[in-house]
Structure formats: structure tokens, C-alpha cells
Amino acid sequence: LEAIKELSKSAPAKALQECGKIEVPDLKDTCIANIGETQRSKDYCTMAANSRIKDFCFSNVAKLTNDNGLCEAISTDSRKDSCYMTFVLDNKDYSVCSKITNKYLRNSCESLRQLSVLNS
């Protein structure tokens, strides 16, 4: 997988062919997700069949591209919230607070927003 990931930096199409040769479904999906991350492209994430691997791919590409809109593509609320919270904690991006489903996380986000206003 690491060799294919390295190959994907310079030749993503060739790397995708190599991933296609992997017979274990989750390993194949991880391989494809790795290409998505190195290429910073959500298009590869959508090719993964395993929803957990696909979600982590979307989350990682969102972080790498600084695009919180990609969090919306994540299938479960808890993983989606986790993606949004990364933007809150790493980038102080409080615009995502209203998109967070978990009320405790949303309240934390709003509290952090208020604290940042007080500190500025």
C-alpha cells in the first residue's frame, strides 16, 4: 500500500490500476483513499465501497484542502461532526457550528466562538 501511495503522487492513474489488483475489499478501498489524499481529490474517496474508509478519506481531503464543505459528504453524523470540529479546533472556523449535529459539540463550538470574540 505504501509503494502505491508513493506512486500516486506522480502517477495517480497507474496507482489506481495497482489498487484494482488488490483482492481484499477493505485494503483496496484504503489504497484508493490513499490516492485521494495524495492527490487531494474527493473523487477518489467516492470510489471506496466501505463507508468508514470513504468517510475518513473525505475528512482527510477536507483537512488537506481546507474545504469544510467536504465534511457534508460524510455518511454518519458522528464522523461528520468530527470533521467539522477539526476546522473549529485547527482553524478557528466557527462558521461550521450550525452544521454540527451533536448538541454538546455544537455548544462547545459556540462557546469557543464567544471566547474568540472576547479575546480579540
PDB file of N, CA and C in Angstrom:
ATOM      1  N   LEU A   1       0.822  -1.202   0.000  1.00  0.00           N
ATOM      2  CA  LEU A   1       0.000   0.000   0.000  1.00  0.00           C
ATOM      3  C   LEU A   1       0.860   1.257   0.000  1.00  0.00           C
ATOM      4  N   GLU A   2       1.942   1.239   0.774  1.00  0.00           N
ATOM      5  CA  GLU A   2       2.811   2.422   0.845  1.00  0.00           C
ATOM      6  C   GLU A   2       3.465   2.707  -0.512  1.00  0.00           C
ATOM      7  N   ALA A   3       3.874   1.654  -1.213  1.00  0.00           N
ATOM      8  CA  ALA A   3       4.500   1.838  -2.523  1.00  0.00           C
ATOM      9  C   ALA A   3       3.506   2.437  -3.516  1.00  0.00           C
ATOM     10  N   ILE A   4       2.267   1.979  -3.462  1.00  0.00           N
ATOM     11  CA  ILE A   4       1.229   2.511  -4.354  1.00  0.00           C
ATOM     12  C   ILE A   4       0.912   3.957  -3.978  1.00  0.00           C
ATOM     13  N   LYS A   5       0.894   4.232  -2.676  1.00  0.00           N
ATOM     14  CA  LYS A   5       0.644   5.606  -2.224  1.00  0.00           C
ATOM     15  C   LYS A   5       1.733   6.536  -2.752  1.00  0.00           C
ATOM     16  N   GLU A   6       2.964   6.077  -2.702  1.00  0.00           N
ATOM     17  CA  GLU A   6       4.092   6.870  -3.212  1.00  0.00           C
ATOM     18  C   GLU A   6       3.944   7.074  -4.726  1.00  0.00           C
ATOM     19  N   LEU A   7       3.563   6.022  -5.429  1.00  0.00           N
ATOM     20  CA  LEU A   7       3.351   6.098  -6.874  1.00  0.00           C
ATOM     21  C   LEU A   7       2.238   7.083  -7.212  1.00  0.00           C
ATOM     22  N   SER A   8       1.219   7.154  -6.354  1.00  0.00           N
ATOM     23  CA  SER A   8       0.058   8.005  -6.637  1.00  0.00           C
ATOM     24  C   SER A   8       0.401   9.495  -6.657  1.00  0.00           C
ATOM     25  N   LYS A   9       1.515   9.864  -6.046  1.00  0.00           N
ATOM     26  CA  LYS A   9       1.925  11.272  -6.051  1.00  0.00           C
ATOM     27  C   LYS A   9       2.273  11.740  -7.463  1.00  0.00           C
ATOM     28  N   SER A  10       2.869  10.845  -8.237  1.00  0.00           N
ATOM     29  CA  SER A  10       3.289  11.227  -9.590  1.00  0.00           C
ATOM     30  C   SER A  10       2.438  10.599 -10.692  1.00  0.00           C
ATOM     31  N   ALA A  11       1.840   9.463 -10.414  1.00  0.00           N
ATOM     32  CA  ALA A  11       1.066   8.760 -11.447  1.00  0.00           C
ATOM     33  C   ALA A  11      -0.213   8.176 -10.851  1.00  0.00           C
ATOM     34  N   PRO A  12      -1.208   9.038 -10.566  1.00  0.00           N
ATOM     35  CA  PRO A  12      -2.424   8.545  -9.908  1.00  0.00           C
ATOM     36  C   PRO A  12      -3.190   7.486 -10.707  1.00  0.00           C
ATOM     37  N   ALA A  13      -3.207   7.603 -12.022  1.00  0.00           N
ATOM     38  CA  ALA A  13      -3.932   6.618 -12.834  1.00  0.00           C
ATOM     39  C   ALA A  13      -3.276   5.245 -12.718  1.00  0.00           C
ATOM     40  N   LYS A  14      -1.958   5.218 -12.754  1.00  0.00           N
ATOM     41  CA  LYS A  14      -1.215   3.959 -12.612  1.00  0.00           C
ATOM     42  C   LYS A  14      -1.436   3.381 -11.209  1.00  0.00           C
ATOM     43  N   ALA A  15      -1.439   4.254 -10.204  1.00  0.00           N
ATOM     44  CA  ALA A  15      -1.669   3.806  -8.829  1.00  0.00           C
ATOM     45  C   ALA A  15      -3.063   3.197  -8.694  1.00  0.00           C
ATOM     46  N   LEU A  16      -4.046   3.822  -9.336  1.00  0.00           N
ATOM     47  CA  LEU A  16      -5.417   3.307  -9.276  1.00  0.00           C
ATOM     48  C   LEU A  16      -5.497   1.922  -9.907  1.00  0.00           C
ATOM     49  N   GLN A  17      -4.756   1.704 -10.983  1.00  0.00           N
ATOM     50  CA  GLN A  17      -4.699   0.370 -11.599  1.00  0.00           C
ATOM     51  C   GLN A  17      -4.130  -0.651 -10.612  1.00  0.00           C
ATOM     52  N   GLU A  18      -3.090  -0.240  -9.899  1.00  0.00           N
ATOM     53  CA  GLU A  18      -2.470  -1.134  -8.916  1.00  0.00           C
ATOM     54  C   GLU A  18      -3.445  -1.448  -7.782  1.00  0.00           C
ATOM     55  N   CYS A  19      -4.197  -0.446  -7.345  1.00  0.00           N
ATOM     56  CA  CYS A  19      -5.201  -0.679  -6.291  1.00  0.00           C
ATOM     57  C   CYS A  19      -6.234  -1.690  -6.767  1.00  0.00           C
ATOM     58  N   GLY A  20      -6.590  -1.606  -8.039  1.00  0.00           N
ATOM     59  CA  GLY A  20      -7.580  -2.509  -8.615  1.00  0.00           C
ATOM     60  C   GLY A  20      -7.177  -3.968  -8.574  1.00  0.00           C
ATOM     61  N   LYS A  21      -5.883  -4.225  -8.444  1.00  0.00           N
ATOM     62  CA  LYS A  21      -5.374  -5.597  -8.393  1.00  0.00           C
ATOM     63  C   LYS A  21      -5.482  -6.209  -6.991  1.00  0.00           C
ATOM     64  N   ILE A  22      -5.764  -5.377  -6.003  1.00  0.00           N
ATOM     65  CA  ILE A  22      -5.860  -5.873  -4.616  1.00  0.00           C
ATOM     66  C   ILE A  22      -7.208  -6.564  -4.440  1.00  0.00           C
ATOM     67  N   GLU A  23      -7.174  -7.797  -3.925  1.00  0.00           N
ATOM     68  CA  GLU A  23      -8.396  -8.595  -3.822  1.00  0.00           C
ATOM     69  C   GLU A  23      -9.167  -8.394  -2.517  1.00  0.00           C
ATOM     70  N   VAL A  24      -8.502  -7.948  -1.474  1.00  0.00           N
ATOM     71  CA  VAL A  24      -9.192  -7.737  -0.196  1.00  0.00           C
ATOM     72  C   VAL A  24      -9.911  -6.385  -0.266  1.00  0.00           C
ATOM     73  N   PRO A  25     -11.259  -6.386  -0.203  1.00  0.00           N
ATOM     74  CA  PRO A  25     -12.030  -5.148  -0.422  1.00  0.00           C
ATOM     75  C   PRO A  25     -11.599  -3.944   0.428  1.00  0.00           C
ATOM     76  N   ASP A  26     -11.407  -4.142   1.739  1.00  0.00           N
ATOM     77  CA  ASP A  26     -11.036  -3.007   2.591  1.00  0.00           C
ATOM     78  C   ASP A  26      -9.636  -2.483   2.271  1.00  0.00           C
ATOM     79  N   LEU A  27      -8.733  -3.376   1.924  1.00  0.00           N
ATOM     80  CA  LEU A  27      -7.388  -2.937   1.534  1.00  0.00           C
ATOM     81  C   LEU A  27      -7.440  -2.173   0.211  1.00  0.00           C
ATOM     82  N   LYS A  28      -8.277  -2.645  -0.698  1.00  0.00           N
ATOM     83  CA  LYS A  28      -8.449  -1.944  -1.981  1.00  0.00           C
ATOM     84  C   LYS A  28      -8.997  -0.534  -1.726  1.00  0.00           C
ATOM     85  N   ASP A  29     -10.004  -0.432  -0.851  1.00  0.00           N
ATOM     86  CA  ASP A  29     -10.592   0.871  -0.531  1.00  0.00           C
ATOM     87  C   ASP A  29      -9.575   1.794   0.143  1.00  0.00           C
ATOM     88  N   THR A  30      -8.775   1.240   1.045  1.00  0.00           N
ATOM     89  CA  THR A  30      -7.732   2.031   1.705  1.00  0.00           C
ATOM     90  C   THR A  30      -6.729   2.523   0.678  1.00  0.00           C
ATOM     91  N   CYS A  31      -6.387   1.680  -0.248  1.00  0.00           N
ATOM     92  CA  CYS A  31      -5.459   2.029  -1.316  1.00  0.00           C
ATOM     93  C   CYS A  31      -6.006   3.203  -2.137  1.00  0.00           C
ATOM     94  N   ILE A  32      -7.266   3.113  -2.512  1.00  0.00           N
ATOM     95  CA  ILE A  32      -7.904   4.173  -3.307  1.00  0.00           C
ATOM     96  C   ILE A  32      -8.004   5.465  -2.496  1.00  0.00           C
ATOM     97  N   ALA A  33      -8.346   5.339  -1.209  1.00  0.00           N
ATOM     98  CA  ALA A  33      -8.437   6.518  -0.337  1.00  0.00           C
ATOM     99  C   ALA A  33      -7.079   7.206  -0.213  1.00  0.00           C
ATOM    100  N   ASN A  34      -6.017   6.396  -0.174  1.00  0.00           N
ATOM    101  CA  ASN A  34      -4.668   6.968  -0.108  1.00  0.00           C
ATOM    102  C   ASN A  34      -4.384   7.845  -1.332  1.00  0.00           C
ATOM    103  N   ILE A  35      -4.858   7.420  -2.487  1.00  0.00           N
ATOM    104  CA  ILE A  35      -4.665   8.224  -3.708  1.00  0.00           C
ATOM    105  C   ILE A  35      -5.430   9.533  -3.564  1.00  0.00           C
ATOM    106  N   GLY A  36      -6.649   9.450  -3.047  1.00  0.00           N
ATOM    107  CA  GLY A  36      -7.445  10.653  -2.819  1.00  0.00           C
ATOM    108  C   GLY A  36      -6.712  11.656  -1.949  1.00  0.00           C
ATOM    109  N   GLU A  37      -6.054  11.149  -0.912  1.00  0.00           N
ATOM    110  CA  GLU A  37      -5.328  12.026  -0.003  1.00  0.00           C
ATOM    111  C   GLU A  37      -4.089  12.627  -0.670  1.00  0.00           C
ATOM    112  N   THR A  38      -3.320  11.813  -1.373  1.00  0.00           N
ATOM    113  CA  THR A  38      -2.107  12.357  -2.002  1.00  0.00           C
ATOM    114  C   THR A  38      -2.461  13.326  -3.129  1.00  0.00           C
ATOM    115  N   GLN A  39      -3.568  13.068  -3.811  1.00  0.00           N
ATOM    116  CA  GLN A  39      -3.995  13.945  -4.905  1.00  0.00           C
ATOM    117  C   GLN A  39      -4.900  15.080  -4.418  1.00  0.00           C
ATOM    118  N   ARG A  40      -5.264  15.008  -3.133  1.00  0.00           N
ATOM    119  CA  ARG A  40      -6.186  15.992  -2.538  1.00  0.00           C
ATOM    120  C   ARG A  40      -7.472  16.095  -3.355  1.00  0.00           C
ATOM    121  N   SER A  41      -8.014  14.921  -3.679  1.00  0.00           N
ATOM    122  CA  SER A  41      -9.195  14.858  -4.537  1.00  0.00           C
ATOM    123  C   SER A  41     -10.265  13.945  -3.945  1.00  0.00           C
ATOM    124  N   LYS A  42     -11.440  14.509  -3.731  1.00  0.00           N
ATOM    125  CA  LYS A  42     -12.558  13.733  -3.195  1.00  0.00           C
ATOM    126  C   LYS A  42     -13.068  12.702  -4.191  1.00  0.00           C
ATOM    127  N   ASP A  43     -12.743  12.874  -5.469  1.00  0.00           N
ATOM    128  CA  ASP A  43     -13.220  11.946  -6.493  1.00  0.00           C
ATOM    129  C   ASP A  43     -12.789  10.512  -6.200  1.00  0.00           C
ATOM    130  N   TYR A  44     -11.600  10.353  -5.656  1.00  0.00           N
ATOM    131  CA  TYR A  44     -11.132   9.001  -5.325  1.00  0.00           C
ATOM    132  C   TYR A  44     -11.899   8.460  -4.116  1.00  0.00           C
ATOM    133  N   CYS A  45     -12.234   9.327  -3.187  1.00  0.00           N
ATOM    134  CA  CYS A  45     -12.975   8.881  -1.994  1.00  0.00           C
ATOM    135  C   CYS A  45     -14.285   8.215  -2.388  1.00  0.00           C
ATOM    136  N   THR A  46     -14.955   8.769  -3.374  1.00  0.00           N
ATOM    137  CA  THR A  46     -16.255   8.232  -3.784  1.00  0.00           C
ATOM    138  C   THR A  46     -16.145   6.828  -4.368  1.00  0.00           C
ATOM    139  N   MET A  47     -14.934   6.425  -4.774  1.00  0.00           N
ATOM    140  CA  MET A  47     -14.733   5.092  -5.355  1.00  0.00           C
ATOM    141  C   MET A  47     -14.661   3.996  -4.293  1.00  0.00           C
ATOM    142  N   ALA A  48     -14.437   4.370  -3.046  1.00  0.00           N
ATOM    143  CA  ALA A  48     -14.326   3.374  -1.982  1.00  0.00           C
ATOM    144  C   ALA A  48     -15.713   2.830  -1.644  1.00  0.00           C
ATOM    145  N   ALA A  49     -15.813   1.530  -1.469  1.00  0.00           N
ATOM    146  CA  ALA A  49     -17.098   0.904  -1.146  1.00  0.00           C
ATOM    147  C   ALA A  49     -17.385   0.955   0.358  1.00  0.00           C
ATOM    148  N   ASN A  50     -16.359   0.790   1.172  1.00  0.00           N
ATOM    149  CA  ASN A  50     -16.513   0.790   2.634  1.00  0.00           C
ATOM    150  C   ASN A  50     -16.795   2.209   3.107  1.00  0.00           C
ATOM    151  N   SER A  51     -17.943   2.394   3.755  1.00  0.00           N
ATOM    152  CA  SER A  51     -18.359   3.753   4.126  1.00  0.00           C
ATOM    153  C   SER A  51     -17.424   4.398   5.152  1.00  0.00           C
ATOM    154  N   ARG A  52     -16.856   3.606   6.059  1.00  0.00           N
ATOM    155  CA  ARG A  52     -15.944   4.157   7.056  1.00  0.00           C
ATOM    156  C   ARG A  52     -14.669   4.680   6.382  1.00  0.00           C
ATOM    157  N   ILE A  53     -14.120   3.889   5.479  1.00  0.00           N
ATOM    158  CA  ILE A  53     -12.909   4.300   4.756  1.00  0.00           C
ATOM    159  C   ILE A  53     -13.215   5.515   3.883  1.00  0.00           C
ATOM    160  N   LYS A  54     -14.368   5.484   3.226  1.00  0.00           N
ATOM    161  CA  LYS A  54     -14.791   6.607   2.387  1.00  0.00           C
ATOM    162  C   LYS A  54     -14.915   7.883   3.218  1.00  0.00           C
ATOM    163  N   ASP A  55     -15.535   7.771   4.397  1.00  0.00           N
ATOM    164  CA  ASP A  55     -15.722   8.929   5.274  1.00  0.00           C
ATOM    165  C   ASP A  55     -14.393   9.509   5.740  1.00  0.00           C
ATOM    166  N   PHE A  56     -13.468   8.638   6.136  1.00  0.00           N
ATOM    167  CA  PHE A  56     -12.162   9.130   6.582  1.00  0.00           C
ATOM    168  C   PHE A  56     -11.408   9.769   5.431  1.00  0.00           C
ATOM    169  N   CYS A  57     -11.600   9.256   4.239  1.00  0.00           N
ATOM    170  CA  CYS A  57     -10.985   9.854   3.052  1.00  0.00           C
ATOM    171  C   CYS A  57     -11.524  11.271   2.854  1.00  0.00           C
ATOM    172  N   PHE A  58     -12.848  11.415   2.899  1.00  0.00           N
ATOM    173  CA  PHE A  58     -13.445  12.754   2.761  1.00  0.00           C
ATOM    174  C   PHE A  58     -12.923  13.705   3.831  1.00  0.00           C
ATOM    175  N   SER A  59     -12.852  13.205   5.068  1.00  0.00           N
ATOM    176  CA  SER A  59     -12.375  14.033   6.176  1.00  0.00           C
ATOM    177  C   SER A  59     -10.929  14.473   5.965  1.00  0.00           C
ATOM    178  N   ASN A  60     -10.084  13.541   5.556  1.00  0.00           N
ATOM    179  CA  ASN A  60      -8.673  13.865   5.338  1.00  0.00           C
ATOM    180  C   ASN A  60      -8.482  14.823   4.173  1.00  0.00           C
ATOM    181  N   VAL A  61      -9.220  14.614   3.093  1.00  0.00           N
ATOM    182  CA  VAL A  61      -9.126  15.523   1.945  1.00  0.00           C
ATOM    183  C   VAL A  61      -9.652  16.908   2.336  1.00  0.00           C
ATOM    184  N   ALA A  62     -10.702  16.945   3.144  1.00  0.00           N
ATOM    185  CA  ALA A  62     -11.240  18.229   3.626  1.00  0.00           C
ATOM    186  C   ALA A  62     -10.165  19.004   4.376  1.00  0.00           C
ATOM    187  N   LYS A  63      -9.442  18.311   5.267  1.00  0.00           N
ATOM    188  CA  LYS A  63      -8.366  18.956   6.039  1.00  0.00           C
ATOM    189  C   LYS A  63      -7.249  19.423   5.116  1.00  0.00           C
ATOM    190  N   LEU A  64      -6.843  18.542   4.191  1.00  0.00           N
ATOM    191  CA  LEU A  64      -5.721  18.858   3.302  1.00  0.00           C
ATOM    192  C   LEU A  64      -6.018  20.033   2.369  1.00  0.00           C
ATOM    193  N   THR A  65      -7.280  20.155   1.977  1.00  0.00           N
ATOM    194  CA  THR A  65      -7.657  21.225   1.039  1.00  0.00           C
ATOM    195  C   THR A  65      -8.281  22.415   1.752  1.00  0.00           C
ATOM    196  N   ASN A  66      -8.425  22.294   3.068  1.00  0.00           N
ATOM    197  CA  ASN A  66      -9.039  23.341   3.884  1.00  0.00           C
ATOM    198  C   ASN A  66     -10.447  23.684   3.368  1.00  0.00           C
ATOM    199  N   ASP A  67     -11.202  22.641   3.044  1.00  0.00           N
ATOM    200  CA  ASP A  67     -12.550  22.801   2.498  1.00  0.00           C
ATOM    201  C   ASP A  67     -13.546  22.087   3.405  1.00  0.00           C
ATOM    202  N   ASN A  68     -14.166  22.836   4.332  1.00  0.00           N
ATOM    203  CA  ASN A  68     -15.091  22.195   5.264  1.00  0.00           C
ATOM    204  C   ASN A  68     -16.365  21.702   4.578  1.00  0.00           C
ATOM    205  N   GLY A  69     -16.609  22.120   3.353  1.00  0.00           N
ATOM    206  CA  GLY A  69     -17.767  21.646   2.599  1.00  0.00           C
ATOM    207  C   GLY A  69     -17.715  20.153   2.319  1.00  0.00           C
ATOM    208  N   LEU A  70     -16.502  19.595   2.305  1.00  0.00           N
ATOM    209  CA  LEU A  70     -16.361  18.157   2.057  1.00  0.00           C
ATOM    210  C   LEU A  70     -16.863  17.328   3.234  1.00  0.00           C
ATOM    211  N   CYS A  71     -16.930  17.919   4.414  1.00  0.00           N
ATOM    212  CA  CYS A  71     -17.450  17.189   5.583  1.00  0.00           C
ATOM    213  C   CYS A  71     -18.889  16.748   5.326  1.00  0.00           C
ATOM    214  N   GLU A  72     -19.622  17.511   4.538  1.00  0.00           N
ATOM    215  CA  GLU A  72     -21.027  17.216   4.251  1.00  0.00           C
ATOM    216  C   GLU A  72     -21.193  15.866   3.550  1.00  0.00           C
ATOM    217  N   ALA A  73     -20.177  15.412   2.829  1.00  0.00           N
ATOM    218  CA  ALA A  73     -20.263  14.146   2.090  1.00  0.00           C
ATOM    219  C   ALA A  73     -20.123  12.924   2.993  1.00  0.00           C
ATOM    220  N   ILE A  74     -19.747  13.131   4.230  1.00  0.00           N
ATOM    221  CA  ILE A  74     -19.533  12.031   5.174  1.00  0.00           C
ATOM    222  C   ILE A  74     -20.881  11.432   5.572  1.00  0.00           C
ATOM    223  N   SER A  75     -20.929  10.097   5.667  1.00  0.00           N
ATOM    224  CA  SER A  75     -22.208   9.390   5.809  1.00  0.00           C
ATOM    225  C   SER A  75     -22.813   9.388   7.209  1.00  0.00           C
ATOM    226  N   THR A  76     -22.009   9.422   8.268  1.00  0.00           N
ATOM    227  CA  THR A  76     -22.592   9.372   9.612  1.00  0.00           C
ATOM    228  C   THR A  76     -22.425  10.724  10.313  1.00  0.00           C
ATOM    229  N   ASP A  77     -23.392  11.060  11.138  1.00  0.00           N
ATOM    230  CA  ASP A  77     -23.356  12.344  11.841  1.00  0.00           C
ATOM    231  C   ASP A  77     -22.138  12.468  12.744  1.00  0.00           C
ATOM    232  N   SER A  78     -21.780  11.385  13.436  1.00  0.00           N
ATOM    233  CA  SER A  78     -20.654  11.471  14.376  1.00  0.00           C
ATOM    234  C   SER A  78     -19.343  11.750  13.639  1.00  0.00           C
ATOM    235  N   ARG A  79     -19.123  11.090  12.510  1.00  0.00           N
ATOM    236  CA  ARG A  79     -17.887  11.338  11.741  1.00  0.00           C
ATOM    237  C   ARG A  79     -17.937  12.709  11.078  1.00  0.00           C
ATOM    238  N   LYS A  80     -19.128  13.123  10.655  1.00  0.00           N
ATOM    239  CA  LYS A  80     -19.303  14.454  10.063  1.00  0.00           C
ATOM    240  C   LYS A  80     -18.972  15.527  11.100  1.00  0.00           C
ATOM    241  N   ASP A  81     -19.511  15.356  12.320  1.00  0.00           N
ATOM    242  CA  ASP A  81     -19.233  16.296  13.406  1.00  0.00           C
ATOM    243  C   ASP A  81     -17.746  16.363  13.708  1.00  0.00           C
ATOM    244  N   SER A  82     -17.109  15.221  13.712  1.00  0.00           N
ATOM    245  CA  SER A  82     -15.671  15.160  13.966  1.00  0.00           C
ATOM    246  C   SER A  82     -14.907  15.949  12.898  1.00  0.00           C
ATOM    247  N   CYS A  83     -15.329  15.822  11.675  1.00  0.00           N
ATOM    248  CA  CYS A  83     -14.714  16.561  10.568  1.00  0.00           C
ATOM    249  C   CYS A  83     -14.878  18.065  10.786  1.00  0.00           C
ATOM    250  N   TYR A  84     -16.088  18.473  11.105  1.00  0.00           N
ATOM    251  CA  TYR A  84     -16.332  19.899  11.351  1.00  0.00           C
ATOM    252  C   TYR A  84     -15.517  20.422  12.529  1.00  0.00           C
ATOM    253  N   MET A  85     -15.436  19.617  13.599  1.00  0.00           N
ATOM    254  CA  MET A  85     -14.696  20.054  14.789  1.00  0.00           C
ATOM    255  C   MET A  85     -13.213  20.242  14.497  1.00  0.00           C
ATOM    256  N   THR A  86     -12.686  19.515  13.534  1.00  0.00           N
ATOM    257  CA  THR A  86     -11.292  19.717  13.131  1.00  0.00           C
ATOM    258  C   THR A  86     -11.093  21.153  12.647  1.00  0.00           C
ATOM    259  N   PHE A  87     -12.064  21.649  11.892  1.00  0.00           N
ATOM    260  CA  PHE A  87     -11.969  23.023  11.377  1.00  0.00           C
ATOM    261  C   PHE A  87     -12.102  24.036  12.515  1.00  0.00           C
ATOM    262  N   VAL A  88     -12.933  23.709  13.488  1.00  0.00           N
ATOM    263  CA  VAL A  88     -13.107  24.599  14.649  1.00  0.00           C
ATOM    264  C   VAL A  88     -11.803  24.670  15.440  1.00  0.00           C
ATOM    265  N   LEU A  89     -11.250  23.507  15.754  1.00  0.00           N
ATOM    266  CA  LEU A  89     -10.082  23.458  16.631  1.00  0.00           C
ATOM    267  C   LEU A  89      -8.783  23.858  15.932  1.00  0.00           C
ATOM    268  N   ASP A  90      -8.618  23.440  14.688  1.00  0.00           N
ATOM    269  CA  ASP A  90      -7.362  23.731  13.979  1.00  0.00           C
ATOM    270  C   ASP A  90      -7.342  25.107  13.325  1.00  0.00           C
ATOM    271  N   ASN A  91      -8.501  25.543  12.816  1.00  0.00           N
ATOM    272  CA  ASN A  91      -8.539  26.782  12.022  1.00  0.00           C
ATOM    273  C   ASN A  91      -9.358  27.898  12.669  1.00  0.00           C
ATOM    274  N   LYS A  92      -9.951  27.597  13.830  1.00  0.00           N
ATOM    275  CA  LYS A  92     -10.849  28.562  14.474  1.00  0.00           C
ATOM    276  C   LYS A  92     -11.943  29.022  13.507  1.00  0.00           C
ATOM    277  N   ASP A  93     -12.456  28.050  12.741  1.00  0.00           N
ATOM    278  CA  ASP A  93     -13.522  28.297  11.767  1.00  0.00           C
ATOM    279  C   ASP A  93     -14.859  27.987  12.436  1.00  0.00           C
ATOM    280  N   TYR A  94     -15.497  29.023  12.967  1.00  0.00           N
ATOM    281  CA  TYR A  94     -16.746  28.832  13.707  1.00  0.00           C
ATOM    282  C   TYR A  94     -17.971  28.867  12.799  1.00  0.00           C
ATOM    283  N   SER A  95     -17.750  29.044  11.510  1.00  0.00           N
ATOM    284  CA  SER A  95     -18.872  29.058  10.564  1.00  0.00           C
ATOM    285  C   SER A  95     -19.549  27.689  10.490  1.00  0.00           C
ATOM    286  N   VAL A  96     -18.875  26.649  10.956  1.00  0.00           N
ATOM    287  CA  VAL A  96     -19.424  25.296  10.873  1.00  0.00           C
ATOM    288  C   VAL A  96     -20.267  24.919  12.092  1.00  0.00           C
ATOM    289  N   CYS A  97     -20.288  25.763  13.116  1.00  0.00           N
ATOM    290  CA  CYS A  97     -21.013  25.415  14.359  1.00  0.00           C
ATOM    291  C   CYS A  97     -22.449  24.975  14.093  1.00  0.00           C
ATOM    292  N   SER A  98     -23.148  25.679  13.241  1.00  0.00           N
ATOM    293  CA  SER A  98     -24.561  25.363  12.986  1.00  0.00           C
ATOM    294  C   SER A  98     -24.745  24.035  12.258  1.00  0.00           C
ATOM    295  N   LYS A  99     -23.673  23.513  11.656  1.00  0.00           N
ATOM    296  CA  LYS A  99     -23.769  22.248  10.918  1.00  0.00           C
ATOM    297  C   LYS A  99     -23.518  21.032  11.806  1.00  0.00           C
ATOM    298  N   ILE A 100     -23.061  21.261  13.022  1.00  0.00           N
ATOM    299  CA  ILE A 100     -22.729  20.167  13.932  1.00  0.00           C
ATOM    300  C   ILE A 100     -24.018  19.613  14.544  1.00  0.00           C
ATOM    301  N   THR A 101     -24.197  18.308  14.452  1.00  0.00           N
ATOM    302  CA  THR A 101     -25.418  17.645  14.900  1.00  0.00           C
ATOM    303  C   THR A 101     -25.444  17.419  16.408  1.00  0.00           C
ATOM    304  N   ASN A 102     -24.344  16.942  16.961  1.00  0.00           N
ATOM    305  CA  ASN A 102     -24.272  16.655  18.396  1.00  0.00           C
ATOM    306  C   ASN A 102     -24.379  17.958  19.186  1.00  0.00           C
ATOM    307  N   LYS A 103     -25.390  18.038  20.040  1.00  0.00           N
ATOM    308  CA  LYS A 103     -25.662  19.313  20.715  1.00  0.00           C
ATOM    309  C   LYS A 103     -24.520  19.728  21.646  1.00  0.00           C
ATOM    310  N   TYR A 104     -23.829  18.766  22.234  1.00  0.00           N
ATOM    311  CA  TYR A 104     -22.725  19.104  23.135  1.00  0.00           C
ATOM    312  C   TYR A 104     -21.543  19.681  22.350  1.00  0.00           C
ATOM    313  N   LEU A 105     -21.245  19.063  21.215  1.00  0.00           N
ATOM    314  CA  LEU A 105     -20.175  19.586  20.366  1.00  0.00           C
ATOM    315  C   LEU A 105     -20.554  20.961  19.804  1.00  0.00           C
ATOM    316  N   ARG A 106     -21.824  21.090  19.414  1.00  0.00           N
ATOM    317  CA  ARG A 106     -22.292  22.382  18.876  1.00  0.00           C
ATOM    318  C   ARG A 106     -22.176  23.469  19.952  1.00  0.00           C
ATOM    319  N   ASN A 107     -22.573  23.137  21.189  1.00  0.00           N
ATOM    320  CA  ASN A 107     -22.447  24.097  22.285  1.00  0.00           C
ATOM    321  C   ASN A 107     -20.988  24.454  22.541  1.00  0.00           C
ATOM    322  N   SER A 108     -20.110  23.456  22.460  1.00  0.00           N
ATOM    323  CA  SER A 108     -18.675  23.722  22.634  1.00  0.00           C
ATOM    324  C   SER A 108     -18.175  24.652  21.541  1.00  0.00           C
ATOM    325  N   CYS A 109     -18.617  24.411  20.340  1.00  0.00           N
ATOM    326  CA  CYS A 109     -18.234  25.249  19.201  1.00  0.00           C
ATOM    327  C   CYS A 109     -18.677  26.695  19.437  1.00  0.00           C
ATOM    328  N   GLU A 110     -19.917  26.850  19.855  1.00  0.00           N
ATOM    329  CA  GLU A 110     -20.453  28.200  20.110  1.00  0.00           C
ATOM    330  C   GLU A 110     -19.705  28.878  21.260  1.00  0.00           C
ATOM    331  N   SER A 111     -19.355  28.102  22.288  1.00  0.00           N
ATOM    332  CA  SER A 111     -18.598  28.663  23.413  1.00  0.00           C
ATOM    333  C   SER A 111     -17.214  29.117  22.952  1.00  0.00           C
ATOM    334  N   LEU A 112     -16.586  28.318  22.119  1.00  0.00           N
ATOM    335  CA  LEU A 112     -15.272  28.693  21.590  1.00  0.00           C
ATOM    336  C   LEU A 112     -15.370  29.948  20.718  1.00  0.00           C
ATOM    337  N   ARG A 113     -16.468  30.040  19.970  1.00  0.00           N
ATOM    338  CA  ARG A 113     -16.690  31.231  19.144  1.00  0.00           C
ATOM    339  C   ARG A 113     -16.793  32.482  20.042  1.00  0.00           C
ATOM    340  N   GLN A 114     -17.589  32.373  21.085  1.00  0.00           N
ATOM    341  CA  GLN A 114     -17.759  33.513  22.003  1.00  0.00           C
ATOM    342  C   GLN A 114     -16.441  33.877  22.677  1.00  0.00           C
ATOM    343  N   LEU A 115     -15.675  32.872  23.049  1.00  0.00           N
ATOM    344  CA  LEU A 115     -14.378  33.099  23.691  1.00  0.00           C
ATOM    345  C   LEU A 115     -13.428  33.814  22.730  1.00  0.00           C
ATOM    346  N   SER A 116     -13.463  33.420  21.466  1.00  0.00           N
ATOM    347  CA  SER A 116     -12.575  34.070  20.492  1.00  0.00           C
ATOM    348  C   SER A 116     -12.951  35.539  20.288  1.00  0.00           C
ATOM    349  N   VAL A 117     -14.242  35.837  20.359  1.00  0.00           N
ATOM    350  CA  VAL A 117     -14.698  37.224  20.230  1.00  0.00           C
ATOM    351  C   VAL A 117     -14.215  38.048  21.421  1.00  0.00           C
ATOM    352  N   LEU A 118     -14.309  37.450  22.600  1.00  0.00           N
ATOM    353  CA  LEU A 118     -13.865  38.144  23.821  1.00  0.00           C
ATOM    354  C   LEU A 118     -12.357  38.398  23.824  1.00  0.00           C
ATOM    355  N   ASN A 119     -11.616  37.455  23.226  1.00  0.00           N
ATOM    356  CA  ASN A 119     -10.151  37.558  23.229  1.00  0.00           C
ATOM    357  C   ASN A 119      -9.596  38.417  22.099  1.00  0.00           C
ATOM    358  N   SER A 120     -10.461  38.854  21.183  1.00  0.00           N
ATOM    359  CA  SER A 120      -9.939  39.623  20.053  1.00  0.00           C
ATOM    360  C   SER A 120     -10.085  41.122  20.264  1.00  0.00           C
TER     361      SER A 120
END
